[in-house]
Amino acid sequence: MSMKLCRVVFGVLIGLFLVAVTPLAGLLQLHGDFRNFTLPLGVLGLALVILTLKTRMSLRLKVFLLANGISATGWAASLYLHNFLTQFFPTEPVTYILFFYVFTPAFIVSSAGVLVIAIRQMLSANKTHA
């Protein structure tokens, strides 16, 4: 059961990378919130947080996966909140700062951390089986 959930977590993580990194918007010609992948990024981030909390794994990997999911969800939420608040406060800087200077670097750092830890764990698992 735990290994199956781990595969689902990494599947969601791969989906998160595909949504955030690849230029699929021009290829798929999506419209609205799906065009800039804001909504799918937030949903995948939330799914990653939920699945990570339900899966048993090493503490380091869990921390980086949670940071990755929270930063993706927070990125999307801060963008929607910024768009909403600029209707009332045209110079609202808080969500703008969160969007560009908190959640984006957190997503990049946590993505790199997940990759490094996952590759290390896979290599150490292969050494013990060989």
Protein backbone atom coordinates (compact mmCIF):
# COMPACT_ATOMS: atom_id res chain seq x y z
CA MET A 1 0.00 0.00 0.00
CA SER A 2 2.73 2.47 0.91
CA MET A 3 4.71 1.81 -2.28
CA LYS A 4 1.60 2.34 -4.38
CA LEU A 5 0.94 5.68 -2.68
CA CYS A 6 4.58 6.68 -3.19
CA ARG A 7 4.15 6.10 -6.93
CA VAL A 8 1.03 8.27 -6.92
CA VAL A 9 2.89 11.01 -5.04
CA PHE A 10 5.71 10.97 -7.56
CA GLY A 11 3.19 10.88 -10.41
CA VAL A 12 1.56 14.02 -9.04
CA LEU A 13 5.01 15.57 -8.61
CA ILE A 14 5.87 14.80 -12.23
CA GLY A 15 2.55 16.35 -13.26
CA LEU A 16 3.46 19.41 -11.21
CA PHE A 17 6.80 19.68 -13.03
CA LEU A 18 5.11 19.31 -16.41
CA VAL A 19 2.57 21.99 -15.59
CA ALA A 20 5.08 24.43 -14.12
CA VAL A 21 8.06 23.96 -16.40
CA THR A 22 7.09 22.83 -19.89
CA PRO A 23 5.49 25.13 -22.46
CA LEU A 24 2.37 23.02 -22.92
CA ALA A 25 0.03 26.04 -23.01
CA GLY A 26 0.98 26.98 -26.57
CA LEU A 27 0.91 23.37 -27.68
CA LEU A 28 -2.51 22.59 -26.23
CA GLN A 29 -4.00 26.05 -26.95
CA LEU A 30 -5.85 26.24 -23.64
CA HIS A 31 -7.99 29.21 -22.61
CA GLY A 32 -8.60 31.17 -19.41
CA ASP A 33 -7.02 29.99 -16.18
CA PHE A 34 -5.89 26.79 -17.84
CA ARG A 35 -3.86 28.79 -20.37
CA ASN A 36 -1.35 29.94 -17.78
CA PHE A 37 -1.64 26.73 -15.71
CA THR A 38 -2.55 28.59 -12.54
CA LEU A 39 -5.52 26.45 -11.61
CA PRO A 40 -3.90 23.06 -12.43
CA LEU A 41 -0.76 24.06 -10.55
CA GLY A 42 -2.77 24.89 -7.43
CA VAL A 43 -4.81 21.68 -7.63
CA LEU A 44 -1.73 19.52 -8.17
CA GLY A 45 0.05 21.28 -5.30
CA LEU A 46 -2.88 20.57 -2.99
CA ALA A 47 -2.99 16.94 -4.14
CA LEU A 48 0.74 16.64 -3.48
CA VAL A 49 0.32 17.95 0.07
CA ILE A 50 -2.54 15.55 0.84
CA LEU A 51 -0.80 12.52 -0.67
CA THR A 52 2.49 13.34 1.05
CA LEU A 53 0.76 13.50 4.43
CA LYS A 54 -0.82 10.08 3.83
CA THR A 55 2.36 8.38 2.61
CA ARG A 56 5.15 6.98 4.76
CA MET A 57 8.58 8.15 3.61
CA SER A 58 11.77 9.64 4.96
CA LEU A 59 11.41 12.90 6.87
CA ARG A 60 13.68 14.86 4.52
CA LEU A 61 11.74 13.81 1.45
CA LYS A 62 8.44 14.52 3.17
CA VAL A 63 9.56 18.03 4.15
CA PHE A 64 10.65 18.89 0.62
CA LEU A 65 7.48 17.40 -0.92
CA LEU A 66 5.32 19.37 1.50
CA ALA A 67 7.25 22.55 0.73
CA ASN A 68 6.81 21.86 -2.98
CA GLY A 69 3.07 21.33 -2.71
CA ILE A 70 2.50 24.28 -0.38
CA SER A 71 4.52 26.62 -2.57
CA ALA A 72 2.61 25.55 -5.70
CA THR A 73 -0.75 25.97 -3.98
CA GLY A 74 0.31 29.26 -2.39
CA TRP A 75 1.57 30.51 -5.74
CA ALA A 76 -1.81 29.97 -7.36
CA ALA A 77 -3.75 31.28 -4.34
CA SER A 78 -1.65 34.44 -4.10
CA LEU A 79 -2.17 35.15 -7.79
CA TYR A 80 -5.95 34.84 -7.49
CA LEU A 81 -5.93 36.86 -4.27
CA HIS A 82 -3.82 39.56 -5.92
CA ASN A 83 -6.21 39.77 -8.87
CA PHE A 84 -9.14 40.07 -6.46
CA LEU A 85 -7.56 42.64 -4.15
CA THR A 86 -6.34 44.92 -6.94
CA GLN A 87 -10.00 45.68 -7.65
CA PHE A 88 -10.19 47.42 -4.28
CA PHE A 89 -6.57 48.40 -3.60
CA PRO A 90 -4.71 49.19 -6.86
CA THR A 91 -1.29 49.23 -5.16
CA GLU A 92 -1.63 46.06 -3.09
CA PRO A 93 1.97 44.72 -2.76
CA VAL A 94 1.68 41.85 -0.26
CA THR A 95 0.40 39.13 -2.59
CA TYR A 96 2.70 40.38 -5.33
CA ILE A 97 5.69 39.91 -3.03
CA LEU A 98 4.44 36.47 -1.98
CA PHE A 99 3.90 35.49 -5.60
CA PHE A 100 7.31 36.49 -6.94
CA TYR A 101 9.69 36.50 -3.98
CA VAL A 102 8.41 33.77 -1.66
CA PHE A 103 6.51 31.04 -3.47
CA THR A 104 8.48 30.98 -6.73
CA PRO A 105 11.91 30.51 -5.11
CA ALA A 106 10.38 28.06 -2.61
CA PHE A 107 9.01 26.00 -5.49
CA ILE A 108 12.36 25.97 -7.28
CA VAL A 109 14.38 25.07 -4.17
CA SER A 110 11.93 22.39 -3.01
CA SER A 111 11.80 20.88 -6.50
CA ALA A 112 15.57 20.62 -6.58
CA GLY A 113 15.60 19.15 -3.07
CA VAL A 114 13.01 16.51 -3.98
CA LEU A 115 15.00 15.50 -7.04
CA VAL A 116 18.29 15.23 -5.14
CA ILE A 117 16.80 13.24 -2.25
CA ALA A 118 14.78 10.93 -4.53
CA ILE A 119 17.81 10.19 -6.72
CA ARG A 120 19.97 9.52 -3.64
CA GLN A 121 17.37 7.15 -2.20
CA MET A 122 16.99 5.29 -5.49
CA LEU A 123 20.76 4.93 -5.86
CA SER A 124 21.16 3.70 -2.28
CA ALA A 125 18.30 1.22 -2.80
CA ASN A 126 20.01 -0.12 -5.93
CA LYS A 127 23.31 -0.54 -4.06
CA THR A 128 21.67 -2.60 -1.31
CA HIS A 129 19.92 -4.88 -3.85
CA ALA A 130 23.04 -5.41 -5.98
